[in-house]
Amino acid sequence: MIFYDFRRGLNQQQCADQVASTFGDEAPYRAIMFCWFSEFHRKRTLPQDEFREGRSKSAVVPENIDAVRKLILQDCHGTYREIEAYLGISSTCIHSI
């Protein structure tokens, strides 16, 4: 509905009023509608979230894999936290290794 109002040429305030009159208490916050208007002005026309890669994969590299292997061979009772502190990478990355 927000995109429809945008395409009709309504401004942000008119759209917010229209949505509030249609949905009442169930209407999204004005700030959210204003953000979407800004996105539509930037030519983003789909309301789906944009794909994001997430965290960088740079921590799972051969150097860190070798370092973890050496640490485990030196002390098989080492913990995730010790490896995490030594390499400066997250436990999730260590688990991936």
C-alpha atoms as a PDB file:
ATOM      1  CA  MET A   1       0.000   0.000   0.000  1.00  0.00           C
ATOM      2  CA  ILE A   2       2.900   2.346   0.756  1.00  0.00           C
ATOM      3  CA  PHE A   3       4.408   1.694  -2.669  1.00  0.00           C
ATOM      4  CA  TYR A   4       0.998   2.198  -4.274  1.00  0.00           C
ATOM      5  CA  ASP A   5       0.623   5.570  -2.539  1.00  0.00           C
ATOM      6  CA  PHE A   6       4.161   6.473  -3.590  1.00  0.00           C
ATOM      7  CA  ARG A   7       3.330   5.641  -7.212  1.00  0.00           C
ATOM      8  CA  ARG A   8       0.108   7.685  -6.961  1.00  0.00           C
ATOM      9  CA  GLY A   9       2.233  10.707  -6.125  1.00  0.00           C
ATOM     10  CA  LEU A  10       1.221  11.122  -2.494  1.00  0.00           C
ATOM     11  CA  ASN A  11       3.804  12.580  -0.143  1.00  0.00           C
ATOM     12  CA  GLN A  12       4.981  10.839   3.017  1.00  0.00           C
ATOM     13  CA  GLN A  13       2.483  12.538   5.297  1.00  0.00           C
ATOM     14  CA  GLN A  14      -0.467  11.822   3.004  1.00  0.00           C
ATOM     15  CA  CYS A  15       0.585   8.182   2.764  1.00  0.00           C
ATOM     16  CA  ALA A  16       0.934   7.907   6.552  1.00  0.00           C
ATOM     17  CA  ASP A  17      -2.538   9.394   7.006  1.00  0.00           C
ATOM     18  CA  GLN A  18      -3.998   7.037   4.385  1.00  0.00           C
ATOM     19  CA  VAL A  19      -2.432   3.949   5.975  1.00  0.00           C
ATOM     20  CA  ALA A  20      -3.490   5.054   9.478  1.00  0.00           C
ATOM     21  CA  SER A  21      -7.094   5.567   8.353  1.00  0.00           C
ATOM     22  CA  THR A  22      -7.119   2.146   6.674  1.00  0.00           C
ATOM     23  CA  PHE A  23      -5.360   0.062   9.330  1.00  0.00           C
ATOM     24  CA  GLY A  24      -5.995   2.069  12.491  1.00  0.00           C
ATOM     25  CA  ASP A  25      -3.940   0.763  15.416  1.00  0.00           C
ATOM     26  CA  GLU A  26      -2.444  -1.967  13.220  1.00  0.00           C
ATOM     27  CA  ALA A  27      -0.714   0.573  10.944  1.00  0.00           C
ATOM     28  CA  PRO A  28       3.096   0.570  10.891  1.00  0.00           C
ATOM     29  CA  TYR A  29       4.929   3.418  12.579  1.00  0.00           C
ATOM     30  CA  ARG A  30       5.277   6.616  10.575  1.00  0.00           C
ATOM     31  CA  ALA A  31       9.058   6.351  10.725  1.00  0.00           C
ATOM     32  CA  ILE A  32       8.911   2.992   8.943  1.00  0.00           C
ATOM     33  CA  MET A  33       6.708   4.419   6.216  1.00  0.00           C
ATOM     34  CA  PHE A  34       9.017   7.404   5.825  1.00  0.00           C
ATOM     35  CA  CYS A  35      12.010   5.060   5.497  1.00  0.00           C
ATOM     36  CA  TRP A  36      10.223   3.101   2.780  1.00  0.00           C
ATOM     37  CA  PHE A  37       9.423   6.318   0.940  1.00  0.00           C
ATOM     38  CA  SER A  38      13.126   7.143   1.007  1.00  0.00           C
ATOM     39  CA  GLU A  39      13.932   3.689  -0.363  1.00  0.00           C
ATOM     40  CA  PHE A  40      11.400   4.114  -3.166  1.00  0.00           C
ATOM     41  CA  HIS A  41      12.971   7.460  -4.062  1.00  0.00           C
ATOM     42  CA  ARG A  42      16.295   5.606  -4.392  1.00  0.00           C
ATOM     43  CA  LYS A  43      14.633   3.317  -6.965  1.00  0.00           C
ATOM     44  CA  ARG A  44      14.248   0.348  -4.643  1.00  0.00           C
ATOM     45  CA  THR A  45      10.848  -1.007  -5.605  1.00  0.00           C
ATOM     46  CA  LEU A  46      10.642  -4.397  -3.894  1.00  0.00           C
ATOM     47  CA  PRO A  47       9.766  -4.573  -0.205  1.00  0.00           C
ATOM     48  CA  GLN A  48      11.813  -7.739   0.391  1.00  0.00           C
ATOM     49  CA  ASP A  49      14.979  -7.508   2.405  1.00  0.00           C
ATOM     50  CA  GLU A  50      18.082  -7.233   0.317  1.00  0.00           C
ATOM     51  CA  PHE A  51      20.447 -10.182   0.364  1.00  0.00           C
ATOM     52  CA  ARG A  52      23.375  -9.737   2.697  1.00  0.00           C
ATOM     53  CA  GLU A  53      26.388 -11.949   2.885  1.00  0.00           C
ATOM     54  CA  GLY A  54      26.647 -11.804   6.640  1.00  0.00           C
ATOM     55  CA  ARG A  55      29.986 -11.957   8.336  1.00  0.00           C
ATOM     56  CA  SER A  56      33.108 -11.976   6.291  1.00  0.00           C
ATOM     57  CA  LYS A  57      34.552 -15.398   5.536  1.00  0.00           C
ATOM     58  CA  SER A  58      38.080 -14.057   5.939  1.00  0.00           C
ATOM     59  CA  ALA A  59      38.558 -15.794   9.301  1.00  0.00           C
ATOM     60  CA  VAL A  60      38.288 -19.274   7.778  1.00  0.00           C
ATOM     61  CA  VAL A  61      41.501 -19.192   5.780  1.00  0.00           C
ATOM     62  CA  PRO A  62      44.304 -21.738   5.425  1.00  0.00           C
ATOM     63  CA  GLU A  63      46.537 -19.844   7.878  1.00  0.00           C
ATOM     64  CA  ASN A  64      43.923 -20.023  10.650  1.00  0.00           C
ATOM     65  CA  ILE A  65      43.096 -23.638   9.836  1.00  0.00           C
ATOM     66  CA  ASP A  66      46.772 -24.567  10.186  1.00  0.00           C
ATOM     67  CA  ALA A  67      47.059 -22.555  13.405  1.00  0.00           C
ATOM     68  CA  VAL A  68      44.046 -24.336  14.928  1.00  0.00           C
ATOM     69  CA  ARG A  69      45.468 -27.703  13.872  1.00  0.00           C
ATOM     70  CA  LYS A  70      48.801 -26.891  15.562  1.00  0.00           C
ATOM     71  CA  LEU A  71      47.087 -25.672  18.731  1.00  0.00           C
ATOM     72  CA  ILE A  72      45.047 -28.866  18.945  1.00  0.00           C
ATOM     73  CA  LEU A  73      48.112 -31.045  18.354  1.00  0.00           C
ATOM     74  CA  GLN A  74      50.008 -29.176  21.085  1.00  0.00           C
ATOM     75  CA  ASP A  75      47.159 -29.346  23.598  1.00  0.00           C
ATOM     76  CA  CYS A  76      44.217 -31.571  22.786  1.00  0.00           C
ATOM     77  CA  HIS A  77      42.394 -30.212  25.857  1.00  0.00           C
ATOM     78  CA  GLY A  78      42.381 -26.624  24.602  1.00  0.00           C
ATOM     79  CA  THR A  79      39.041 -24.859  24.646  1.00  0.00           C
ATOM     80  CA  TYR A  80      37.217 -22.826  22.041  1.00  0.00           C
ATOM     81  CA  ARG A  81      37.789 -19.731  24.153  1.00  0.00           C
ATOM     82  CA  GLU A  82      41.537 -20.269  24.237  1.00  0.00           C
ATOM     83  CA  ILE A  83      41.675 -20.711  20.467  1.00  0.00           C
ATOM     84  CA  GLU A  84      39.361 -17.732  20.026  1.00  0.00           C
ATOM     85  CA  ALA A  85      41.617 -15.544  22.178  1.00  0.00           C
ATOM     86  CA  TYR A  86      44.802 -16.762  20.486  1.00  0.00           C
ATOM     87  CA  LEU A  87      43.601 -16.220  16.909  1.00  0.00           C
ATOM     88  CA  GLY A  88      41.164 -13.371  17.500  1.00  0.00           C
ATOM     89  CA  ILE A  89      38.315 -15.048  15.620  1.00  0.00           C
ATOM     90  CA  SER A  90      34.823 -16.044  16.721  1.00  0.00           C
ATOM     91  CA  SER A  91      33.894 -19.461  18.070  1.00  0.00           C
ATOM     92  CA  THR A  92      31.549 -19.874  15.097  1.00  0.00           C
ATOM     93  CA  CYS A  93      34.516 -19.576  12.746  1.00  0.00           C
ATOM     94  CA  ILE A  94      36.504 -21.984  14.883  1.00  0.00           C
ATOM     95  CA  HIS A  95      33.618 -24.446  14.716  1.00  0.00           C
ATOM     96  CA  SER A  96      33.618 -24.094  10.905  1.00  0.00           C
ATOM     97  CA  ILE A  97      37.312 -24.939  10.858  1.00  0.00           C
END
